[in-house]
Each structure stands twice: as structure tokens, then as C-alpha cells.
Amino acid sequence: MSPAVSRDAAIMRPAHPNEFDRKRIERALKTRKRYRYVRPSVAPVADGYRIESPCCSRNIDPEGGIVDVALLIYDPDASTWKLFRKDHGRKAWELHSTSERMVALVDALNADPERKFWQ
């Protein structure tokens, strides 16, 4: 296979989700400030990752089931990451912030001073 063909194949392949970044997000979530006693999971979705967790506060799910926490989506056209929070009342994702660096958004998710994510 010529270098031109392999380069084209790399361009066609989506960069996200991938196992390396999924694990990186999982490790980073261990440093979060809220609900440290639950184990969130990171699931691959088109162009990114969905973070979900058991609802220990019972604010969203009185039964303590798994709830959506955040959505990280990579926009290849803008070369930016987008962080979404779940509006559980409307059952819709809302854009929270954007950054060129995924780690900056994961840091915001972990800090969450206004409890927008970890409800």
C-alpha cells in the first residue's frame, strides 16, 4: 500500500471514539469533586464519549439508576471539543463549553462547582 493510500485511509477513519481516550477520561474522572463514591462509566458514541453514573443523590432517579452525566463530542471541522450537560427535566443535552483541549473540559466536569453535571 502506498503512503498516499494509507494517509487517505487515516483521514476516513474517525479519530473518536477510541479506547486510549476513553480510558484517559475514566482515569481523570477519579479526581472529580462530587459523588466520588460512585463509579461512572465512559461509553463510546459517534465522535466522542458519554459519561453516565449511578444516581446516588436520588435527585434525578429516585431508584438510584444509571443517569447521563456528560457528553464529550469532538468537532473535526472546528478542531474543538464540546462538553454537554444533561437537562434531565427536558431530557435534552445542553452545550456547556468548548475547548481545543479535551482535558480542559474533563477538568471542568470534575470540578463542577455549580453542580451542572453531578446532580
C-alpha atoms as a PDB file:
ATOM      1  CA  MET A   1       0.000   0.000   0.000  1.00  0.00           C
ATOM      2  CA  SER A   2       1.414   3.381  -0.958  1.00  0.00           C
ATOM      3  CA  PRO A   3       1.772   6.221   1.597  1.00  0.00           C
ATOM      4  CA  ALA A   4      -0.971   8.197  -0.176  1.00  0.00           C
ATOM      5  CA  VAL A   5      -3.453   5.355   0.265  1.00  0.00           C
ATOM      6  CA  SER A   6      -2.628   4.887   3.954  1.00  0.00           C
ATOM      7  CA  ARG A   7      -2.949   8.646   4.557  1.00  0.00           C
ATOM      8  CA  ASP A   8      -6.379   8.660   2.882  1.00  0.00           C
ATOM      9  CA  ALA A   9      -7.449   5.687   4.973  1.00  0.00           C
ATOM     10  CA  ALA A  10      -6.380   7.532   8.134  1.00  0.00           C
ATOM     11  CA  ILE A  11      -8.387  10.584   7.104  1.00  0.00           C
ATOM     12  CA  MET A  12     -11.502   8.469   6.553  1.00  0.00           C
ATOM     13  CA  ARG A  13     -11.233   6.775   9.941  1.00  0.00           C
ATOM     14  CA  PRO A  14     -12.904   8.711  12.759  1.00  0.00           C
ATOM     15  CA  ALA A  15     -10.488   9.785  15.499  1.00  0.00           C
ATOM     16  CA  HIS A  16     -13.100   9.462  18.205  1.00  0.00           C
ATOM     17  CA  PRO A  17     -14.138   7.446  19.972  1.00  0.00           C
ATOM     18  CA  ASN A  18     -11.020   5.451  20.661  1.00  0.00           C
ATOM     19  CA  GLU A  19     -10.010   3.193  23.528  1.00  0.00           C
ATOM     20  CA  PHE A  20      -6.993   5.273  24.573  1.00  0.00           C
ATOM     21  CA  ASP A  21      -9.004   8.460  25.193  1.00  0.00           C
ATOM     22  CA  ARG A  22     -11.899   6.529  26.739  1.00  0.00           C
ATOM     23  CA  LYS A  23      -9.525   5.101  29.357  1.00  0.00           C
ATOM     24  CA  ARG A  24      -7.918   8.519  29.829  1.00  0.00           C
ATOM     25  CA  ILE A  25     -11.317  10.021  30.650  1.00  0.00           C
ATOM     26  CA  GLU A  26     -12.108   7.152  33.049  1.00  0.00           C
ATOM     27  CA  ARG A  27      -8.847   7.755  34.934  1.00  0.00           C
ATOM     28  CA  ALA A  28      -9.429  11.509  35.058  1.00  0.00           C
ATOM     29  CA  LEU A  29     -12.931  11.060  36.495  1.00  0.00           C
ATOM     30  CA  LYS A  30     -11.383   9.527  39.614  1.00  0.00           C
ATOM     31  CA  THR A  31     -10.249  13.049  40.598  1.00  0.00           C
ATOM     32  CA  ARG A  32     -13.734  14.594  40.485  1.00  0.00           C
ATOM     33  CA  LYS A  33     -15.043  16.605  43.446  1.00  0.00           C
ATOM     34  CA  ARG A  34     -18.625  15.278  43.615  1.00  0.00           C
ATOM     35  CA  TYR A  35     -20.030  11.793  44.168  1.00  0.00           C
ATOM     36  CA  ARG A  36     -16.618  10.228  44.496  1.00  0.00           C
ATOM     37  CA  TYR A  37     -18.144   7.053  45.908  1.00  0.00           C
ATOM     38  CA  VAL A  38     -19.889   6.051  42.658  1.00  0.00           C
ATOM     39  CA  ARG A  39     -18.237   4.538  39.601  1.00  0.00           C
ATOM     40  CA  PRO A  40     -19.092   6.449  36.443  1.00  0.00           C
ATOM     41  CA  SER A  41     -18.659   4.752  33.102  1.00  0.00           C
ATOM     42  CA  VAL A  42     -17.485   6.171  29.793  1.00  0.00           C
ATOM     43  CA  ALA A  43     -19.273   4.835  26.728  1.00  0.00           C
ATOM     44  CA  PRO A  44     -18.229   5.467  23.129  1.00  0.00           C
ATOM     45  CA  VAL A  45     -20.685   7.432  20.966  1.00  0.00           C
ATOM     46  CA  ALA A  46     -20.353   8.910  17.487  1.00  0.00           C
ATOM     47  CA  ASP A  47     -17.441  11.391  17.585  1.00  0.00           C
ATOM     48  CA  GLY A  48     -16.996  11.187  21.348  1.00  0.00           C
ATOM     49  CA  TYR A  49     -17.905   9.807  24.730  1.00  0.00           C
ATOM     50  CA  ARG A  50     -20.941   9.686  27.038  1.00  0.00           C
ATOM     51  CA  ILE A  51     -20.359   9.682  30.798  1.00  0.00           C
ATOM     52  CA  GLU A  52     -23.031   8.051  32.923  1.00  0.00           C
ATOM     53  CA  SER A  53     -23.210   7.166  36.588  1.00  0.00           C
ATOM     54  CA  PRO A  54     -25.478   5.701  39.248  1.00  0.00           C
ATOM     55  CA  CYS A  55     -27.690   8.436  40.714  1.00  0.00           C
ATOM     56  CA  CYS A  56     -26.789   8.342  44.399  1.00  0.00           C
ATOM     57  CA  SER A  57     -28.374  11.700  45.223  1.00  0.00           C
ATOM     58  CA  ARG A  58     -31.761  10.380  44.044  1.00  0.00           C
ATOM     59  CA  ASN A  59     -32.399  13.898  42.652  1.00  0.00           C
ATOM     60  CA  ILE A  60     -32.765  12.631  39.079  1.00  0.00           C
ATOM     61  CA  ASP A  61     -33.701   8.984  39.571  1.00  0.00           C
ATOM     62  CA  PRO A  62     -35.370   8.119  42.902  1.00  0.00           C
ATOM     63  CA  GLU A  63     -34.432   4.471  42.336  1.00  0.00           C
ATOM     64  CA  GLY A  64     -30.723   5.302  42.018  1.00  0.00           C
ATOM     65  CA  GLY A  65     -30.443   4.042  38.451  1.00  0.00           C
ATOM     66  CA  ILE A  66     -27.867   4.988  35.841  1.00  0.00           C
ATOM     67  CA  VAL A  67     -28.200   8.587  34.595  1.00  0.00           C
ATOM     68  CA  ASP A  68     -26.435  10.618  31.919  1.00  0.00           C
ATOM     69  CA  VAL A  69     -23.844  12.994  33.344  1.00  0.00           C
ATOM     70  CA  ALA A  70     -21.996  14.487  30.370  1.00  0.00           C
ATOM     71  CA  LEU A  71     -21.308  14.165  26.688  1.00  0.00           C
ATOM     72  CA  LEU A  72     -17.906  14.972  25.129  1.00  0.00           C
ATOM     73  CA  ILE A  73     -18.029  15.389  21.352  1.00  0.00           C
ATOM     74  CA  TYR A  74     -15.160  16.203  19.025  1.00  0.00           C
ATOM     75  CA  ASP A  75     -15.935  18.561  16.137  1.00  0.00           C
ATOM     76  CA  PRO A  76     -13.303  17.843  13.466  1.00  0.00           C
ATOM     77  CA  ASP A  77     -14.351  20.809  11.323  1.00  0.00           C
ATOM     78  CA  ALA A  78     -13.607  23.279  14.127  1.00  0.00           C
ATOM     79  CA  SER A  79     -10.894  21.126  15.773  1.00  0.00           C
ATOM     80  CA  THR A  80     -12.637  21.606  19.106  1.00  0.00           C
ATOM     81  CA  TRP A  81     -14.226  19.543  21.822  1.00  0.00           C
ATOM     82  CA  LYS A  82     -17.727  20.263  23.079  1.00  0.00           C
ATOM     83  CA  LEU A  83     -18.916  19.431  26.576  1.00  0.00           C
ATOM     84  CA  PHE A  84     -22.642  18.933  27.072  1.00  0.00           C
ATOM     85  CA  ARG A  85     -24.625  18.552  30.284  1.00  0.00           C
ATOM     86  CA  LYS A  86     -27.933  16.723  30.536  1.00  0.00           C
ATOM     87  CA  ASP A  87     -31.045  18.737  31.302  1.00  0.00           C
ATOM     88  CA  HIS A  88     -32.925  15.875  32.908  1.00  0.00           C
ATOM     89  CA  GLY A  89     -36.183  17.836  33.124  1.00  0.00           C
ATOM     90  CA  ARG A  90     -36.284  18.362  29.371  1.00  0.00           C
ATOM     91  CA  LYS A  91     -34.397  15.129  28.631  1.00  0.00           C
ATOM     92  CA  ALA A  92     -32.058  17.041  26.336  1.00  0.00           C
ATOM     93  CA  TRP A  93     -28.324  17.703  26.078  1.00  0.00           C
ATOM     94  CA  GLU A  94     -27.237  21.348  26.550  1.00  0.00           C
ATOM     95  CA  LEU A  95     -23.904  22.764  25.413  1.00  0.00           C
ATOM     96  CA  HIS A  96     -21.852  23.725  28.449  1.00  0.00           C
ATOM     97  CA  SER A  97     -18.489  24.725  26.961  1.00  0.00           C
ATOM     98  CA  THR A  98     -15.988  24.190  24.165  1.00  0.00           C
ATOM     99  CA  SER A  99     -12.210  23.872  24.089  1.00  0.00           C
ATOM    100  CA  GLU A 100      -9.406  22.824  21.794  1.00  0.00           C
ATOM    101  CA  ARG A 101      -8.248  20.501  24.585  1.00  0.00           C
ATOM    102  CA  MET A 102     -10.324  17.602  25.866  1.00  0.00           C
ATOM    103  CA  VAL A 103      -8.525  17.681  29.220  1.00  0.00           C
ATOM    104  CA  ALA A 104      -9.767  21.237  29.914  1.00  0.00           C
ATOM    105  CA  LEU A 105     -13.363  20.064  29.559  1.00  0.00           C
ATOM    106  CA  VAL A 106     -12.791  16.982  31.705  1.00  0.00           C
ATOM    107  CA  ASP A 107     -11.303  19.276  34.368  1.00  0.00           C
ATOM    108  CA  ALA A 108     -14.476  21.420  34.250  1.00  0.00           C
ATOM    109  CA  LEU A 109     -16.601  18.292  34.536  1.00  0.00           C
ATOM    110  CA  ASN A 110     -14.584  17.112  37.533  1.00  0.00           C
ATOM    111  CA  ALA A 111     -14.735  20.436  39.387  1.00  0.00           C
ATOM    112  CA  ASP A 112     -18.421  21.175  38.673  1.00  0.00           C
ATOM    113  CA  PRO A 113     -18.832  23.971  41.275  1.00  0.00           C
ATOM    114  CA  GLU A 114     -22.426  24.723  40.182  1.00  0.00           C
ATOM    115  CA  ARG A 115     -23.498  21.047  40.146  1.00  0.00           C
ATOM    116  CA  LYS A 116     -24.433  21.179  36.474  1.00  0.00           C
ATOM    117  CA  PHE A 117     -23.190  17.648  35.824  1.00  0.00           C
ATOM    118  CA  TRP A 118     -23.016  15.711  39.085  1.00  0.00           C
ATOM    119  CA  GLN A 119     -26.540  16.339  40.331  1.00  0.00           C
END
